[in-house]
Amino acid sequence: MAKFNQNNTDKTVNRDGFPAYRMKLKEQLVSSVLTTMFGEPKFYGSTDGDIVRLATQCAAADPAFLCKLACYARNDSNLRSVSHVLCCVIAREAHEFTRRTVRNIVVRPDDITEILACYLQMYGKPFPNALKREIAQVMQRFDEYQLAKYNGGNRSIRFRDVLRITHPHPKDVQTEALFKKVLEDSLETPYTWETELSAKGNTKEVWNELISSGKVGYMALLRNLRNIIRSGADLSPVLQTLSDPEQVRKSRQLPFRFYSAYLTLSGENILSGNVHRALEKALEASIDNMEQIPGRTLIAIDVSGSMGSRVSQRSDVRCCDIAALLGAMASRICEDATVCYFDAAGSWSSQEHKGYTVMHYGKYDSILEICKNSRFYGGGTQMDLPMVYALKEDGSREIKPFDRVIYFSDNECNSSYGGFDKTVQGMADEYRARYNRNFWVHGVDIQGYGTQQFCGKRFNLIAGWSEKVIPFINLAEKGIGSLVEVIEAYEIK
C-alpha cells in the first residue's frame, strides 16, 4: 500500500474503453491482489483470471517477489483467499519457494484445507511434492481443539484427507495419537460459540457463558453483535473488547467490517449509543498513532455507478462505502481537509447535478455517520471533476492552494472535462503550473482493474481496503520507497 510507477507514460484504455495508463507487471499484480475478495464478482468483471495470469508470469520472472506478496497479503492486508491462490501458483510454478510461502500464510488450521482445495480446483491432481511436504509439517502446529474447531461442515477436503494426501511423520507420540483421532474422525467436539448455540440455542444465558469463557474471538463477537444484543446478554465485556485499541490491532479486521456491523444494527433499529461509540472507537484506534498529513488536502470520493457494486455477495458494503470510510478516516488525520464526492456532471441521476459535492468534516464527527450519510449518485465516472473544483472554484479564491489530492476510486474513468482523447493527468499538471508546483496526486485503487489515470512525478498509486493505505501519503511525499519496494524488502521466515 504505497507509491509505485512514477514514470509510466504508456497509454492504453481501461475496461470501459476510456484512455488510461498501463501498469507494469508487479504493479498490476499488487493492485489486483490487495483489492479482491477472490471468487466474488466485480462491476467491470472479475479480476481473478488476471491475478492467476499475472502471478504465473511473476513466478517465472521473480518468484521471490510472488512469495513475499502472498505473505504480505495474508499477514499485513488480512486477505486469506487470494494468498491461498498465490500459494498454489507458487507450488506449481516455483516449488523452491513453497516451503516459505506455506509456513507464512498458514495462520489457522483451515488455511491448510483451503490451500489444498484451491490447488485441486485450479490444477487438479497430483499435488506437488513440495506442497505435500510442507503441509505435512505445518499440520503439526495445531492441537486437538484447533483441528476439531475447523474440521466440521460439508468441506471437500477435511483434515483426515490432508493426512492421507501428505502422509506426515508425527513429531512425537502425542501428535501420533492426535493424527489417529483425525483419521478415525473421533476428535473431541470443541467448545465453540457455534457448537454451544447449536446445542443450547441463541439465549441470553448461553451468550453470557460464552462471553465469560473467553472462547469467542474478536471477529466472532463483531459478526455476532446482532445476535448478542437480541439475546439480551451482558454487552459490557463485549463492547470493552471491541473498543480496546490493542484488541483492535490484533483482530486483523478491515475497517469496513465495523461499518458492516453498524449498518446491520442501524437497519434493525437495535443500535444503542454505547454500541455506536464502541464501533467508532474501534475505527479511531486504527488511526490514533498515524502521523498528521500536513497542509491542505483535497479528498476525492468516487460515487459513480461502478462503485456501487458490493465487495462480496454476502455483504451489503459497497466499494463506494469503503471509499467514503477510508476518506473520512484520512480526513481525521489531515491538518486541513476538503472532501469532494464525484461521479459525472449531468449524470442520469440528476440532470442538474454538477458532478461533485464538497464537504468539510470536523475532527470529532462520527466516521460511521459520515459514511452512512454520504450520497451515492451512481452516474458516470468523471475523475477530473475534483480537479475542476480545485482549479475553477477553489483556485479562484485568495487561499492557500492544495498540497495534494487523494483519490479513492476504481479508476474506471469513462467521462472527461477535456474530452475522450484526454486523461485526468492534464488537470493535475495544470494545477501544478498555476498554483503549486509541488502538488501531489495520490490514487487509492479500490478495485484493481489494472490501469491508472495518472502518471509521472509526484504521483503515488496505492491499493487496498485497509487503513494501512493512509500512512503511505506522507511516506510517498518524503520519497520513502514504493509498494513494490516494500514487498521486495518484506521479511519472511
Protein backbone atom coordinates (compact mmCIF):
# COMPACT_ATOMS: atom_id res chain seq x y z
CA MET A 1 0.00 0.00 0.00
CA ALA A 2 2.36 2.67 -1.14
CA LYS A 3 3.83 4.54 -4.10
CA PHE A 4 4.78 2.93 -7.34
CA ASN A 5 5.09 3.54 -11.07
CA GLN A 6 6.20 7.17 -11.14
CA ASN A 7 7.34 7.36 -14.76
CA ASN A 8 4.89 5.30 -16.79
CA THR A 9 3.59 7.11 -19.90
CA ASP A 10 2.43 4.02 -21.83
CA LYS A 11 -1.18 4.72 -22.80
CA THR A 12 -3.93 2.13 -23.12
CA VAL A 13 -7.67 2.01 -22.43
CA ASN A 14 -9.44 0.89 -19.27
CA ARG A 15 -12.24 -1.69 -19.04
CA ASP A 16 -14.77 0.96 -20.03
CA GLY A 17 -12.80 1.89 -23.15
CA PHE A 18 -11.54 5.24 -21.85
CA PRO A 19 -7.90 6.42 -22.15
CA ALA A 20 -5.67 5.30 -19.26
CA TYR A 21 -2.07 4.38 -18.48
CA ARG A 22 -0.69 0.86 -18.35
CA MET A 23 0.72 -0.63 -15.19
CA LYS A 24 3.79 -2.83 -15.06
CA LEU A 25 3.54 -6.50 -14.16
CA LYS A 26 4.30 -6.25 -10.45
CA GLU A 27 2.27 -3.08 -10.01
CA GLN A 28 -0.81 -4.55 -11.68
CA LEU A 29 -0.47 -7.78 -9.71
CA VAL A 30 -0.15 -5.94 -6.39
CA SER A 31 -3.14 -3.67 -7.01
CA SER A 32 -5.29 -6.63 -8.09
CA VAL A 33 -4.26 -8.82 -5.15
CA LEU A 34 -4.82 -6.16 -2.48
CA THR A 35 -8.32 -5.25 -3.70
CA THR A 36 -10.01 -8.61 -4.10
CA MET A 37 -12.35 -10.94 -2.34
CA PHE A 38 -11.22 -13.74 -4.65
CA GLY A 39 -14.13 -15.53 -6.28
CA GLU A 40 -16.50 -12.56 -5.92
CA PRO A 41 -17.84 -10.63 -8.95
CA LYS A 42 -16.93 -7.02 -9.70
CA PHE A 43 -18.78 -4.34 -11.66
CA TYR A 44 -16.42 -4.45 -14.65
CA GLY A 45 -15.80 -8.18 -14.41
CA SER A 46 -13.74 -10.37 -12.16
CA THR A 47 -10.01 -9.82 -11.73
CA ASP A 48 -9.47 -13.47 -10.66
CA GLY A 49 -8.16 -14.54 -14.05
CA ASP A 50 -5.83 -11.53 -14.18
CA ILE A 51 -4.40 -12.44 -10.78
CA VAL A 52 -3.65 -16.05 -11.78
CA ARG A 53 -2.19 -14.96 -15.13
CA LEU A 54 -0.02 -12.21 -13.62
CA ALA A 55 1.06 -14.41 -10.72
CA THR A 56 2.12 -17.14 -13.16
CA GLN A 57 4.18 -14.60 -15.10
CA CYS A 58 5.70 -13.28 -11.89
CA ALA A 59 6.57 -16.82 -10.76
CA ALA A 60 8.75 -17.12 -13.84
CA ALA A 61 10.24 -13.61 -13.65
CA ASP A 62 10.67 -13.11 -9.87
CA PRO A 63 9.34 -15.97 -7.71
CA ALA A 64 10.78 -14.45 -4.53
CA PHE A 65 8.58 -11.38 -5.04
CA LEU A 66 5.49 -13.54 -5.52
CA CYS A 67 6.28 -15.41 -2.30
CA LYS A 68 6.61 -12.15 -0.39
CA LEU A 69 3.41 -10.76 -1.91
CA ALA A 70 1.47 -13.85 -0.77
CA CYS A 71 2.81 -13.43 2.77
CA TYR A 72 2.13 -9.68 2.71
CA ALA A 73 -1.44 -10.22 1.53
CA ARG A 74 -2.14 -12.78 4.27
CA ASN A 75 -0.38 -11.17 7.23
CA ASP A 76 -0.43 -7.43 6.56
CA SER A 77 -3.51 -6.95 4.39
CA ASN A 78 -5.53 -9.73 6.05
CA LEU A 79 -6.66 -11.27 2.76
CA ARG A 80 -6.89 -15.06 3.05
CA SER A 81 -8.30 -16.48 -0.17
CA VAL A 82 -6.05 -14.61 -2.56
CA SER A 83 -2.99 -15.65 -0.52
CA HIS A 84 -4.10 -19.28 -0.98
CA VAL A 85 -4.32 -18.72 -4.75
CA LEU A 86 -0.82 -17.24 -4.88
CA CYS A 87 0.46 -20.15 -2.79
CA CYS A 88 -0.97 -22.61 -5.32
CA VAL A 89 0.67 -20.78 -8.23
CA ILE A 90 3.98 -20.89 -6.36
CA ALA A 91 3.60 -24.60 -5.58
CA ARG A 92 3.08 -25.34 -9.26
CA GLU A 93 5.42 -22.83 -10.90
CA ALA A 94 8.12 -22.05 -8.31
CA HIS A 95 8.30 -25.03 -5.96
CA GLU A 96 11.55 -23.83 -4.35
CA PHE A 97 9.52 -21.10 -2.60
CA THR A 98 6.69 -23.37 -1.49
CA ARG A 99 8.12 -24.02 1.96
CA ARG A 100 8.48 -20.35 2.93
CA THR A 101 5.10 -19.44 1.47
CA VAL A 102 3.15 -22.18 3.25
CA ARG A 103 4.87 -21.55 6.57
CA ASN A 104 3.94 -17.88 6.50
CA ILE A 105 0.39 -17.95 5.19
CA VAL A 106 -0.91 -20.86 7.30
CA VAL A 107 -2.21 -18.98 10.32
CA ARG A 108 -5.31 -21.08 11.06
CA PRO A 109 -5.78 -24.81 10.53
CA ASP A 110 -8.33 -24.24 7.77
CA ASP A 111 -5.70 -22.42 5.72
CA ILE A 112 -4.34 -25.92 5.09
CA THR A 113 -7.56 -27.39 3.75
CA GLU A 114 -8.29 -24.24 1.75
CA ILE A 115 -4.90 -24.36 0.02
CA LEU A 116 -5.35 -27.99 -1.00
CA ALA A 117 -8.93 -27.42 -2.15
CA CYS A 118 -7.79 -24.36 -4.10
CA TYR A 119 -5.00 -26.29 -5.82
CA LEU A 120 -7.39 -29.10 -6.70
CA GLN A 121 -9.80 -26.60 -8.25
CA MET A 122 -7.09 -24.70 -10.14
CA TYR A 123 -4.89 -27.52 -11.38
CA GLY A 124 -6.31 -30.89 -10.32
CA LYS A 125 -4.16 -33.82 -9.19
CA PRO A 126 -1.42 -34.68 -8.47
CA PHE A 127 -0.38 -32.31 -5.70
CA PRO A 128 3.26 -31.13 -5.91
CA ASN A 129 5.60 -32.96 -3.54
CA ALA A 130 6.95 -29.70 -2.11
CA LEU A 131 3.42 -28.64 -1.18
CA LYS A 132 2.64 -32.00 0.42
CA ARG A 133 5.88 -31.98 2.43
CA GLU A 134 5.37 -28.52 3.88
CA ILE A 135 1.70 -29.04 4.68
CA ALA A 136 2.67 -32.23 6.49
CA GLN A 137 4.95 -30.09 8.65
CA VAL A 138 2.59 -27.19 9.42
CA MET A 139 -0.22 -29.62 10.20
CA GLN A 140 1.72 -30.48 13.34
CA ARG A 141 1.48 -26.95 14.71
CA PHE A 142 -2.10 -27.37 15.82
CA ASP A 143 -3.69 -29.11 18.80
CA GLU A 144 -6.88 -31.15 19.02
CA TYR A 145 -9.11 -28.19 19.84
CA GLN A 146 -7.88 -26.19 16.86
CA LEU A 147 -8.23 -29.08 14.41
CA ALA A 148 -11.68 -30.02 15.71
CA LYS A 149 -12.86 -26.41 15.51
CA TYR A 150 -12.19 -26.26 11.76
CA ASN A 151 -12.95 -29.87 10.84
CA GLY A 152 -16.73 -29.72 10.56
CA GLY A 153 -19.07 -28.76 7.77
CA ASN A 154 -19.54 -30.15 4.29
CA ARG A 155 -16.00 -29.47 3.08
CA SER A 156 -14.50 -31.14 0.03
CA ILE A 157 -11.23 -31.63 1.92
CA ARG A 158 -11.10 -32.34 5.65
CA PHE A 159 -8.12 -32.96 7.91
CA ARG A 160 -8.24 -36.73 7.50
CA ASP A 161 -7.93 -36.11 3.75
CA VAL A 162 -4.92 -33.91 4.44
CA LEU A 163 -3.23 -36.75 6.33
CA ARG A 164 -3.97 -39.24 3.55
CA ILE A 165 -2.59 -36.85 0.93
CA THR A 166 0.55 -35.71 2.75
CA HIS A 167 1.49 -38.77 4.91
CA PRO A 168 3.15 -36.75 7.71
CA HIS A 169 5.63 -38.28 10.16
CA PRO A 170 4.38 -37.30 13.63
CA LYS A 171 6.94 -35.34 15.63
CA ASP A 172 6.07 -37.14 18.91
CA VAL A 173 3.70 -39.72 20.41
CA GLN A 174 1.12 -37.05 21.28
CA THR A 175 0.94 -35.92 17.67
CA GLU A 176 0.74 -39.54 16.53
CA ALA A 177 -2.26 -40.10 18.81
CA LEU A 178 -3.86 -36.88 17.56
CA PHE A 179 -3.47 -37.90 13.92
CA LYS A 180 -5.02 -41.27 14.75
CA LYS A 181 -8.08 -39.43 16.09
CA VAL A 182 -8.23 -37.31 12.94
CA LEU A 183 -8.18 -40.39 10.72
CA GLU A 184 -10.82 -42.11 12.83
CA ASP A 185 -12.94 -38.96 12.90
CA SER A 186 -13.00 -39.15 16.70
CA LEU A 187 -11.80 -35.66 17.63
CA GLU A 188 -13.49 -34.33 20.75
CA THR A 189 -16.27 -31.85 19.94
CA PRO A 190 -14.77 -28.42 20.65
CA TYR A 191 -16.30 -25.81 22.92
CA THR A 192 -17.09 -23.01 20.46
CA TRP A 193 -19.85 -20.49 20.04
CA GLU A 194 -21.12 -22.46 17.04
CA THR A 195 -21.40 -25.76 18.89
CA GLU A 196 -22.87 -24.17 22.02
CA LEU A 197 -25.53 -22.22 20.13
CA SER A 198 -26.39 -25.29 18.10
CA ALA A 199 -26.79 -27.40 21.21
CA LYS A 200 -28.37 -24.90 23.61
CA GLY A 201 -29.90 -22.13 21.48
CA ASN A 202 -29.32 -18.41 20.97
CA THR A 203 -30.22 -17.36 24.52
CA LYS A 204 -29.04 -14.77 26.99
CA GLU A 205 -27.64 -17.43 29.32
CA VAL A 206 -25.68 -19.18 26.56
CA TRP A 207 -24.13 -15.95 25.32
CA ASN A 208 -23.23 -14.81 28.83
CA GLU A 209 -21.49 -18.14 29.41
CA LEU A 210 -19.69 -17.99 26.06
CA ILE A 211 -18.52 -14.42 26.58
CA SER A 212 -17.22 -15.12 30.09
CA SER A 213 -15.39 -18.24 28.82
CA GLY A 214 -13.11 -16.15 26.62
CA LYS A 215 -13.58 -18.67 23.78
CA VAL A 216 -15.32 -16.20 21.46
CA GLY A 217 -12.78 -14.40 19.31
CA TYR A 218 -12.87 -10.76 18.26
CA MET A 219 -14.23 -11.46 14.77
CA ALA A 220 -16.96 -13.70 16.17
CA LEU A 221 -18.01 -11.02 18.67
CA LEU A 222 -18.21 -8.42 15.93
CA ARG A 223 -20.13 -10.60 13.49
CA ASN A 224 -22.50 -11.88 16.20
CA LEU A 225 -23.18 -8.48 17.73
CA ARG A 226 -26.76 -8.53 16.48
CA ASN A 227 -27.41 -11.98 17.99
CA ILE A 228 -25.81 -10.97 21.29
CA ILE A 229 -27.91 -7.80 21.51
CA ARG A 230 -31.14 -9.59 20.63
CA SER A 231 -30.46 -12.30 23.21
CA GLY A 232 -30.29 -9.70 25.98
CA ALA A 233 -26.81 -10.81 27.12
CA ASP A 234 -24.48 -8.52 29.04
CA LEU A 235 -22.90 -6.19 26.46
CA SER A 236 -20.36 -4.53 28.74
CA PRO A 237 -17.49 -7.04 28.27
CA VAL A 238 -18.25 -7.32 24.56
CA LEU A 239 -18.06 -3.58 23.95
CA GLN A 240 -14.97 -3.31 26.11
CA THR A 241 -13.23 -5.90 23.93
CA LEU A 242 -14.43 -4.40 20.63
CA SER A 243 -13.24 -0.90 21.53
CA ASP A 244 -9.92 -1.87 23.13
CA PRO A 245 -7.11 -0.47 20.91
CA GLU A 246 -4.83 -3.46 21.49
CA GLN A 247 -7.61 -5.93 20.67
CA VAL A 248 -8.44 -3.96 17.52
CA ARG A 249 -4.85 -4.18 16.33
CA LYS A 250 -4.67 -7.90 16.99
CA SER A 251 -8.03 -8.60 15.35
CA ARG A 252 -6.87 -8.01 11.75
CA GLN A 253 -10.29 -6.61 10.86
CA LEU A 254 -10.63 -4.47 7.75
CA PRO A 255 -12.37 -1.14 8.55
CA PHE A 256 -15.47 -1.97 6.52
CA ARG A 257 -16.23 -4.87 8.89
CA PHE A 258 -17.07 -2.33 11.61
CA TYR A 259 -19.17 -0.35 9.18
CA SER A 260 -20.99 -3.52 8.13
CA ALA A 261 -21.90 -4.24 11.77
CA TYR A 262 -23.02 -0.62 12.18
CA LEU A 263 -25.25 -0.83 9.08
CA THR A 264 -26.84 -4.08 10.24
CA LEU A 265 -27.65 -2.83 13.74
CA SER A 266 -28.82 0.55 12.49
CA GLY A 267 -31.07 -1.07 9.88
CA GLU A 268 -32.72 -3.23 12.52
CA ASN A 269 -33.12 -0.33 14.98
CA ILE A 270 -31.03 -2.02 17.68
CA LEU A 271 -28.06 0.34 17.59
CA SER A 272 -27.63 1.92 21.03
CA GLY A 273 -25.37 4.84 21.85
CA ASN A 274 -22.95 2.57 23.69
CA VAL A 275 -22.62 0.20 20.73
CA HIS A 276 -22.20 3.11 18.33
CA ARG A 277 -19.42 4.57 20.48
CA ALA A 278 -17.66 1.20 20.74
CA LEU A 279 -17.62 0.71 16.97
CA GLU A 280 -16.47 4.30 16.49
CA LYS A 281 -13.65 3.81 18.99
CA ALA A 282 -12.57 0.66 17.16
CA LEU A 283 -12.19 2.63 13.91
CA GLU A 284 -10.45 5.51 15.66
CA ALA A 285 -8.00 3.13 17.33
CA SER A 286 -6.63 2.09 13.94
CA ILE A 287 -5.60 5.68 13.07
CA ASP A 288 -4.76 7.03 16.54
CA ASN A 289 -0.98 6.83 16.11
CA MET A 290 -0.78 7.90 12.50
CA GLU A 291 1.29 10.93 11.60
CA GLN A 292 -0.70 14.03 10.65
CA ILE A 293 -0.93 14.82 6.94
CA PRO A 294 0.22 18.46 6.77
CA GLY A 295 -1.13 21.35 4.71
CA ARG A 296 -4.29 21.41 2.61
CA THR A 297 -5.67 18.13 1.25
CA LEU A 298 -8.47 17.50 -1.26
CA ILE A 299 -10.01 14.07 -0.68
CA ALA A 300 -11.90 12.83 -3.75
CA ILE A 301 -14.50 10.07 -3.22
CA ASP A 302 -15.79 8.22 -6.29
CA VAL A 303 -19.59 7.70 -6.03
CA SER A 304 -20.16 6.64 -9.64
CA GLY A 305 -22.26 3.66 -10.69
CA SER A 306 -19.41 1.16 -10.81
CA MET A 307 -18.55 1.99 -7.19
CA GLY A 308 -21.99 0.82 -6.13
CA SER A 309 -21.02 -2.83 -6.53
CA ARG A 310 -20.77 -4.85 -3.33
CA VAL A 311 -17.41 -6.19 -2.17
CA SER A 312 -18.99 -9.61 -1.67
CA GLN A 313 -22.28 -11.34 -2.42
CA ARG A 314 -22.53 -11.95 1.31
CA SER A 315 -22.08 -8.30 2.26
CA ASP A 316 -24.10 -5.11 1.93
CA VAL A 317 -20.94 -2.99 1.93
CA ARG A 318 -20.24 -1.33 -1.42
CA CYS A 319 -16.99 -0.10 -2.93
CA CYS A 320 -18.18 3.49 -2.51
CA ASP A 321 -18.70 2.75 1.21
CA ILE A 322 -15.08 1.66 1.51
CA ALA A 323 -14.00 4.81 -0.35
CA ALA A 324 -16.11 7.04 1.91
CA LEU A 325 -14.90 5.24 5.03
CA LEU A 326 -11.21 5.47 4.15
CA GLY A 327 -11.72 9.07 3.03
CA ALA A 328 -13.31 10.02 6.35
CA MET A 329 -10.51 8.26 8.23
CA ALA A 330 -7.91 10.10 6.16
CA SER A 331 -9.63 13.45 6.74
CA ARG A 332 -9.39 12.84 10.50
CA ILE A 333 -5.60 12.98 10.41
CA CYS A 334 -5.29 15.79 7.83
CA GLU A 335 -4.32 19.23 9.07
CA ASP A 336 -6.86 20.82 6.70
CA ALA A 337 -9.11 18.59 4.56
CA THR A 338 -11.81 19.23 1.99
CA VAL A 339 -13.84 16.22 0.84
CA CYS A 340 -15.26 16.07 -2.68
CA TYR A 341 -17.75 13.36 -3.76
CA PHE A 342 -17.87 12.97 -7.53
CA ASP A 343 -19.43 10.99 -10.36
CA ALA A 344 -20.22 12.77 -13.66
CA ALA A 345 -21.71 16.19 -14.39
CA GLY A 346 -25.27 15.98 -15.69
CA SER A 347 -25.40 12.25 -14.98
CA TRP A 348 -28.66 10.35 -15.33
CA SER A 349 -29.19 10.51 -11.57
CA SER A 350 -29.80 14.26 -11.76
CA GLN A 351 -29.60 16.38 -14.89
CA GLU A 352 -28.80 19.44 -12.79
CA HIS A 353 -26.13 17.67 -10.77
CA LYS A 354 -22.78 19.37 -11.49
CA GLY A 355 -20.88 16.21 -10.74
CA TYR A 356 -19.38 16.94 -7.35
CA THR A 357 -20.37 17.80 -3.79
CA VAL A 358 -17.89 19.43 -1.43
CA MET A 359 -17.91 18.78 2.31
CA HIS A 360 -15.84 19.78 5.34
CA TYR A 361 -15.74 17.40 8.30
CA GLY A 362 -14.85 18.24 11.88
CA LYS A 363 -12.24 16.37 13.85
CA TYR A 364 -14.86 14.80 16.12
CA ASP A 365 -17.52 14.00 13.52
CA SER A 366 -18.51 10.34 13.58
CA ILE A 367 -16.69 8.37 10.87
CA LEU A 368 -19.56 5.89 10.74
CA GLU A 369 -22.19 8.62 10.38
CA ILE A 370 -20.16 10.34 7.67
CA CYS A 371 -20.02 7.13 5.70
CA LYS A 372 -23.71 6.31 6.19
CA ASN A 373 -24.83 9.81 5.15
CA SER A 374 -22.59 10.00 2.09
CA ARG A 375 -24.65 10.46 -1.06
CA PHE A 376 -24.33 7.84 -3.79
CA TYR A 377 -25.26 9.35 -7.16
CA GLY A 378 -24.44 6.37 -9.37
CA GLY A 379 -23.65 8.22 -12.59
CA GLY A 380 -20.60 8.00 -14.84
CA THR A 381 -17.02 8.21 -13.60
CA GLN A 382 -15.57 11.65 -14.28
CA MET A 383 -12.35 11.69 -12.30
CA ASP A 384 -11.25 15.14 -13.37
CA LEU A 385 -14.16 16.87 -11.56
CA PRO A 386 -12.31 17.23 -8.23
CA MET A 387 -9.55 18.96 -10.21
CA VAL A 388 -12.16 21.13 -11.94
CA TYR A 389 -13.30 22.21 -8.47
CA ALA A 390 -9.71 22.85 -7.35
CA LEU A 391 -8.87 24.88 -10.48
CA LYS A 392 -12.08 26.84 -11.04
CA GLU A 393 -13.73 27.31 -7.67
CA ASP A 394 -11.10 26.82 -5.01
CA GLY A 395 -8.31 28.25 -7.16
CA SER A 396 -10.23 31.48 -7.77
CA ARG A 397 -10.17 32.40 -4.08
CA GLU A 398 -7.39 34.06 -2.10
CA ILE A 399 -6.49 31.00 -0.06
CA LYS A 400 -3.55 28.66 0.19
CA PRO A 401 -3.61 26.14 -2.69
CA PHE A 402 -3.99 22.42 -2.12
CA ASP A 403 -0.84 20.45 -1.39
CA ARG A 404 -2.34 17.21 -2.63
CA VAL A 405 -5.42 15.35 -3.82
CA ILE A 406 -6.19 11.82 -2.61
CA TYR A 407 -8.49 9.83 -4.90
CA PHE A 408 -10.47 6.85 -3.60
CA SER A 409 -11.74 5.28 -6.82
CA ASP A 410 -11.84 2.21 -9.05
CA ASN A 411 -10.01 4.27 -11.73
CA GLU A 412 -12.56 3.32 -14.41
CA CYS A 413 -12.88 6.84 -15.78
CA ASN A 414 -15.44 7.00 -18.62
CA SER A 415 -16.09 10.72 -18.92
CA SER A 416 -13.83 13.76 -19.07
CA TYR A 417 -13.99 17.54 -18.87
CA GLY A 418 -11.36 17.66 -21.61
CA GLY A 419 -12.94 15.12 -23.95
CA PHE A 420 -12.45 11.43 -24.68
CA ASP A 421 -8.91 11.81 -26.02
CA LYS A 422 -7.53 13.25 -22.77
CA THR A 423 -6.75 11.72 -19.39
CA VAL A 424 -7.10 13.26 -15.94
CA GLN A 425 -3.36 13.78 -15.78
CA GLY A 426 -3.53 17.09 -17.66
CA MET A 427 -5.71 18.69 -14.97
CA ALA A 428 -3.16 17.87 -12.28
CA ASP A 429 -0.36 19.25 -14.46
CA GLU A 430 -2.35 22.45 -14.99
CA TYR A 431 -2.86 22.83 -11.23
CA ARG A 432 0.87 22.47 -10.67
CA ALA A 433 1.62 25.08 -13.31
CA ARG A 434 -0.91 27.61 -11.95
CA TYR A 435 -0.94 27.15 -8.18
CA ASN A 436 1.50 24.70 -6.62
CA ARG A 437 4.38 23.07 -8.48
CA ASN A 438 4.81 20.61 -5.58
CA PHE A 439 1.20 19.39 -5.82
CA TRP A 440 0.84 15.61 -5.26
CA VAL A 441 -1.71 13.18 -6.63
CA HIS A 442 -2.39 10.04 -4.57
CA GLY A 443 -4.64 7.42 -6.15
CA VAL A 444 -6.06 4.78 -3.83
CA ASP A 445 -7.20 1.97 -6.12
CA ILE A 446 -10.30 0.26 -4.70
CA GLN A 447 -10.86 -2.41 -7.36
CA GLY A 448 -7.56 -3.29 -9.05
CA TYR A 449 -8.73 -3.42 -12.67
CA GLY A 450 -5.18 -2.95 -13.94
CA THR A 451 -4.97 0.61 -15.31
CA GLN A 452 -4.42 4.05 -13.83
CA GLN A 453 -5.40 7.62 -14.69
CA PHE A 454 -2.21 9.41 -13.63
CA CYS A 455 1.50 9.10 -14.31
CA GLY A 456 4.78 10.95 -13.84
CA LYS A 457 6.44 12.61 -10.89
CA ARG A 458 4.57 13.35 -7.67
CA PHE A 459 2.08 10.62 -8.39
CA ASN A 460 1.54 7.89 -5.81
CA LEU A 461 -0.60 4.86 -6.65
CA ILE A 462 -1.88 2.92 -3.65
CA ALA A 463 -4.07 -0.16 -3.49
CA GLY A 464 -6.10 -1.73 -0.72
CA TRP A 465 -9.12 -1.63 1.59
CA SER A 466 -7.23 -1.20 4.85
CA GLU A 467 -6.49 1.93 6.87
CA LYS A 468 -2.84 0.99 6.25
CA VAL A 469 -3.03 2.82 2.92
CA ILE A 470 -3.19 6.16 4.72
CA PRO A 471 0.36 6.41 6.15
CA PHE A 472 1.77 5.98 2.65
CA ILE A 473 0.58 9.51 1.80
CA ASN A 474 3.32 11.04 3.94
CA LEU A 475 5.84 8.31 3.14
CA ALA A 476 5.45 8.83 -0.60
CA GLU A 477 5.90 12.58 -0.31
CA LYS A 478 9.07 12.03 1.71
CA GLY A 479 10.38 9.77 -1.06
CA ILE A 480 10.46 6.66 1.09
CA GLY A 481 10.23 3.71 -1.28
CA SER A 482 7.36 2.26 -3.27
CA LEU A 483 4.90 -0.57 -2.72
CA VAL A 484 6.87 -2.86 -4.97
CA GLU A 485 9.98 -1.96 -2.99
CA VAL A 486 8.17 -2.51 0.31
CA ILE A 487 7.20 -6.02 -0.76
CA GLU A 488 10.65 -6.74 -2.20
CA ALA A 489 12.09 -5.86 1.22
CA TYR A 490 9.41 -7.76 3.13
CA GLU A 491 10.97 -10.11 5.66
CA ILE A 492 9.67 -13.66 5.83
CA LYS A 493 10.78 -16.59 7.93
